Every structure is written in C-alpha cells, then in structure tokens.
C-alpha cells in the first residue's frame, strides 16, 4: 500500500512539474530585431479612403542588417483603381509575401490581388513595386481591407554603410486629363549601417 501511494504521489508531482514548465515557457520577443520604423499614409489628396498603416521590422545580427519585414494594414476604396504599393530600392529582393487582402470576400484568392514588378536597372530610385488592389486597366477592383506581410533581403551588392528609402504610395486620380497613380506617397528612411538608438 505504501509503495502504491509513493508511486502515485511521485507521478502526480511529475505531471504537475511538467505542466508548470509549459505554463512558464519563456518566449523570445523581437529576436534579431535591430530597430523598427512605423509609417502611416492616407490618400488625403483624393476623395478615396485608401490608406496603409504599419511598421518595418529591421532584422540583423548585431550591427549587420540581414533583412526587413514590412507589416501593413491596408484599406482600399471601392472606387480606387490605384490601390496601395510598396516600393523597394535597388539591391533589395522580395523573399516572401503573405496577404489576407481582401478580407471578408467569398472565394477570396489573395494572390490574385497582388503583383510584383521589378526592373534589372539599378540606376533608379525604385527597382521593385509590390502592388495591392491595383488594376492595370485603371478600373476599380471593388476595394477592401487586409493585412500584408512582405519579407525583403539584400542582395550581395547592397552597400552596408548607407541609409535606404522604402516607399509607400496610395490612391489614384485623373488630373489635367492624365491618369495618376500613387497620388499620395511617403519615403521611409532606414539606416542599414548601424543600430539605431
């Protein structure tokens, strides 16, 4: 009887200690994040409610930048054919895109609402454009909202001692008879030379 009681108590203590370990698991927060840059942009120069708000997570080991992750909430007006675009400078490459845009839509296929355009020319301000909800025929895409996660990495030719600019553009309009896309835009400066305070 004593042996059975001793085995039972030992077993219960083992179960409780293993559950306690799981409850107090220490998660790593912002591992390898050197710094962050928040951004917010609306198509204020138009009548559209198109906007994008988010943050750029700069990843690295010590002082060296190894990549970035752009996490953004987007909302595109039903009448806006310009949508939202993210612009990358030369020597930065898209490694992955995750999208929920447009949310709350039956038979939603997010990959149909995103296009990535690139140029091999490095003598330009922007070499890659990730476009969400933009129609090349300049027709409204019914709009919607969603979350976009874009992972980018530098190629072997990136200058490690520079400050780069990421771009975000929203909206569309007809001005002086010309169709204009990216009516409102911002540049996000990111130092890849050293850790920011």
Protein backbone atom coordinates (compact mmCIF):
# COMPACT_ATOMS: atom_id res chain seq x y z
CA UNK A 1 0.00 0.00 0.00
CA UNK A 2 2.80 2.42 0.89
CA UNK A 3 4.61 1.63 -2.37
CA UNK A 4 1.46 2.32 -4.42
CA UNK A 5 0.89 5.60 -2.56
CA UNK A 6 4.53 6.62 -3.07
CA UNK A 7 4.37 5.83 -6.81
CA UNK A 8 1.09 7.75 -7.17
CA UNK A 9 2.43 10.84 -5.37
CA UNK A 10 5.63 10.76 -7.45
CA UNK A 11 3.59 10.50 -10.66
CA UNK A 12 1.35 13.45 -9.67
CA UNK A 13 4.37 15.60 -8.80
CA UNK A 14 5.94 14.73 -12.17
CA UNK A 15 2.75 15.73 -14.04
CA UNK A 16 2.41 19.00 -12.15
CA UNK A 17 6.03 19.95 -12.72
CA UNK A 18 5.82 19.19 -16.45
CA UNK A 19 2.63 21.29 -16.77
CA UNK A 20 4.27 24.10 -14.83
CA UNK A 21 7.21 24.09 -17.25
CA UNK A 22 4.79 24.53 -20.15
CA UNK A 23 2.96 27.36 -18.42
CA UNK A 24 6.17 29.29 -17.76
CA UNK A 25 7.83 28.82 -21.14
CA UNK A 26 9.94 31.88 -21.89
CA UNK A 27 9.17 33.23 -25.36
CA UNK A 28 11.71 35.32 -27.20
CA UNK A 29 10.38 38.75 -28.17
CA UNK A 30 11.82 40.65 -31.16
CA UNK A 31 14.71 38.25 -31.62
CA UNK A 32 17.24 39.71 -34.08
CA UNK A 33 15.23 42.94 -34.48
CA UNK A 34 17.68 45.85 -34.71
CA UNK A 35 15.05 48.59 -34.93
CA UNK A 36 11.56 49.40 -36.17
CA UNK A 37 10.05 52.18 -38.27
CA UNK A 38 6.30 52.86 -38.11
CA UNK A 39 4.50 54.51 -41.03
CA UNK A 40 1.03 55.75 -41.90
CA UNK A 41 -0.37 57.10 -45.16
CA UNK A 42 -3.82 58.04 -46.49
CA UNK A 43 -4.99 59.21 -49.90
CA UNK A 44 -5.77 62.65 -48.48
CA UNK A 45 -5.37 64.43 -51.82
CA UNK A 46 -8.33 62.43 -53.20
CA UNK A 47 -11.84 61.60 -52.05
CA UNK A 48 -10.85 57.96 -51.51
CA UNK A 49 -10.50 56.23 -48.13
CA UNK A 50 -7.46 54.28 -49.33
CA UNK A 51 -4.74 54.01 -46.66
CA UNK A 52 -1.88 51.95 -45.32
CA UNK A 53 -0.52 51.84 -41.80
CA UNK A 54 2.17 49.58 -40.43
CA UNK A 55 5.74 49.07 -39.32
CA UNK A 56 9.04 47.98 -40.83
CA UNK A 57 10.99 45.49 -38.71
CA UNK A 58 14.71 45.64 -39.46
CA UNK A 59 16.39 42.31 -38.76
CA UNK A 60 20.04 41.62 -38.20
CA UNK A 61 22.82 40.14 -36.15
CA UNK A 62 24.46 42.84 -34.10
CA UNK A 63 25.08 45.80 -36.39
CA UNK A 64 24.57 44.00 -39.72
CA UNK A 65 21.16 44.17 -41.41
CA UNK A 66 20.11 40.79 -42.80
CA UNK A 67 16.60 41.64 -43.94
CA UNK A 68 13.40 43.53 -43.26
CA UNK A 69 9.77 42.71 -42.76
CA UNK A 70 7.04 45.17 -43.73
CA UNK A 71 3.78 44.51 -41.86
CA UNK A 72 0.90 46.70 -43.02
CA UNK A 73 -2.84 47.03 -42.70
CA UNK A 74 -4.31 48.28 -45.98
CA UNK A 75 -7.72 49.64 -46.84
CA UNK A 76 -8.62 50.36 -50.46
CA UNK A 77 -11.62 52.42 -51.51
CA UNK A 78 -14.08 50.57 -53.79
CA UNK A 79 -13.65 53.28 -56.45
CA UNK A 80 -9.85 53.50 -56.26
CA UNK A 81 -8.06 51.67 -59.09
CA UNK A 82 -4.62 52.69 -57.78
CA UNK A 83 -4.65 50.70 -54.55
CA UNK A 84 -1.54 50.55 -52.36
CA UNK A 85 2.04 49.94 -53.43
CA UNK A 86 5.31 49.33 -51.59
CA UNK A 87 8.49 50.41 -53.35
CA UNK A 88 11.96 48.94 -52.84
CA UNK A 89 15.32 50.40 -53.83
CA UNK A 90 17.86 48.50 -55.96
CA UNK A 91 19.66 45.55 -54.35
CA UNK A 92 16.66 44.60 -52.19
CA UNK A 93 14.72 41.49 -53.16
CA UNK A 94 11.30 40.19 -52.09
CA UNK A 95 11.69 36.78 -50.43
CA UNK A 96 8.07 36.22 -49.34
CA UNK A 97 4.66 37.91 -49.32
CA UNK A 98 1.74 36.91 -47.09
CA UNK A 99 -1.62 38.59 -47.64
CA UNK A 100 -5.17 38.48 -46.33
CA UNK A 101 -6.38 41.18 -48.77
CA UNK A 102 -9.26 41.36 -49.47
CA UNK A 103 -10.71 40.01 -46.22
CA UNK A 104 -14.37 39.04 -45.81
CA UNK A 105 -14.74 38.22 -49.51
CA UNK A 106 -16.25 34.91 -50.64
CA UNK A 107 -13.92 32.79 -52.80
CA UNK A 108 -11.04 35.07 -51.91
CA UNK A 109 -7.71 34.35 -53.62
CA UNK A 110 -5.24 36.92 -52.20
CA UNK A 111 -2.54 36.14 -54.78
CA UNK A 112 -4.86 37.49 -57.49
CA UNK A 113 -4.80 40.93 -55.87
CA UNK A 114 -1.01 41.37 -55.61
CA UNK A 115 1.52 42.00 -58.37
CA UNK A 116 5.29 42.36 -58.00
CA UNK A 117 7.02 44.36 -60.72
CA UNK A 118 10.82 44.57 -60.98
CA UNK A 119 13.44 46.11 -63.21
CA UNK A 120 17.03 44.99 -63.71
CA UNK A 121 18.11 48.64 -63.91
CA UNK A 122 19.99 49.67 -60.75
CA UNK A 123 20.24 53.34 -61.72
CA UNK A 124 16.70 54.05 -60.48
CA UNK A 125 15.19 55.11 -57.18
CA UNK A 126 12.84 52.13 -57.03
CA UNK A 127 13.59 48.76 -58.63
CA UNK A 128 10.64 46.78 -57.25
CA UNK A 129 6.99 47.64 -56.74
CA UNK A 130 4.59 45.42 -54.80
CA UNK A 131 1.09 46.47 -55.82
CA UNK A 132 -2.06 45.58 -53.88
CA UNK A 133 -5.51 46.15 -55.34
CA UNK A 134 -4.20 47.99 -58.40
CA UNK A 135 -5.81 47.39 -61.78
CA UNK A 136 -3.61 47.83 -64.88
CA UNK A 137 -6.72 48.72 -66.89
CA UNK A 138 -7.43 51.58 -64.49
CA UNK A 139 -10.72 50.03 -63.39
CA UNK A 140 -11.83 49.88 -59.72
CA UNK A 141 -11.19 46.49 -58.09
CA UNK A 142 -14.06 46.68 -55.53
CA UNK A 143 -11.67 47.61 -52.73
CA UNK A 144 -11.44 46.00 -49.33
CA UNK A 145 -9.05 45.67 -46.41
CA UNK A 146 -6.45 43.22 -45.23
CA UNK A 147 -3.01 42.65 -43.77
CA UNK A 148 0.14 42.39 -45.89
CA UNK A 149 3.48 40.97 -44.71
CA UNK A 150 6.43 41.49 -47.07
CA UNK A 151 9.83 39.96 -46.33
CA UNK A 152 12.80 41.51 -48.15
CA UNK A 153 16.51 40.70 -48.15
CA UNK A 154 19.57 42.48 -49.54
CA UNK A 155 21.49 41.04 -52.45
CA UNK A 156 25.29 40.73 -52.46
CA UNK A 157 25.72 44.21 -53.96
CA UNK A 158 23.99 46.21 -51.22
CA UNK A 159 26.08 48.94 -49.61
CA UNK A 160 26.18 48.15 -45.85
CA UNK A 161 27.04 51.77 -44.94
CA UNK A 162 24.02 53.57 -46.35
CA UNK A 163 20.57 54.75 -45.46
CA UNK A 164 17.99 53.37 -47.85
CA UNK A 165 14.48 54.57 -48.59
CA UNK A 166 11.41 52.37 -48.76
CA UNK A 167 8.39 53.89 -50.46
CA UNK A 168 4.66 53.60 -49.87
CA UNK A 169 2.10 55.02 -52.31
CA UNK A 170 -1.71 55.07 -52.24
CA UNK A 171 -4.57 56.38 -54.33
CA UNK A 172 -5.32 57.34 -57.91
CA UNK A 173 -6.86 60.27 -59.76
CA UNK A 174 -7.36 61.94 -63.12
CA UNK A 175 -5.51 65.28 -63.15
CA UNK A 176 -5.35 67.59 -66.16
CA UNK A 177 -6.61 64.72 -68.30
CA UNK A 178 -3.87 62.33 -67.14
CA UNK A 179 -4.38 59.22 -65.03
CA UNK A 180 -2.20 59.44 -61.92
CA UNK A 181 -1.41 56.52 -59.63
CA UNK A 182 0.16 56.88 -56.19
CA UNK A 183 -1.36 60.31 -55.62
CA UNK A 184 -0.10 60.29 -52.03
CA UNK A 185 3.26 58.80 -51.11
CA UNK A 186 5.93 58.75 -48.43
CA UNK A 187 9.54 57.64 -48.11
CA UNK A 188 10.65 55.66 -45.07
CA UNK A 189 14.37 56.15 -44.34
CA UNK A 190 16.06 53.04 -42.96
CA UNK A 191 19.66 53.10 -41.75
CA UNK A 192 21.33 49.79 -42.52
CA UNK A 193 24.75 50.99 -41.39
CA UNK A 194 24.30 50.72 -37.65
CA UNK A 195 21.92 50.05 -34.85
CA UNK A 196 19.57 52.96 -34.11
CA UNK A 197 19.03 54.24 -30.58
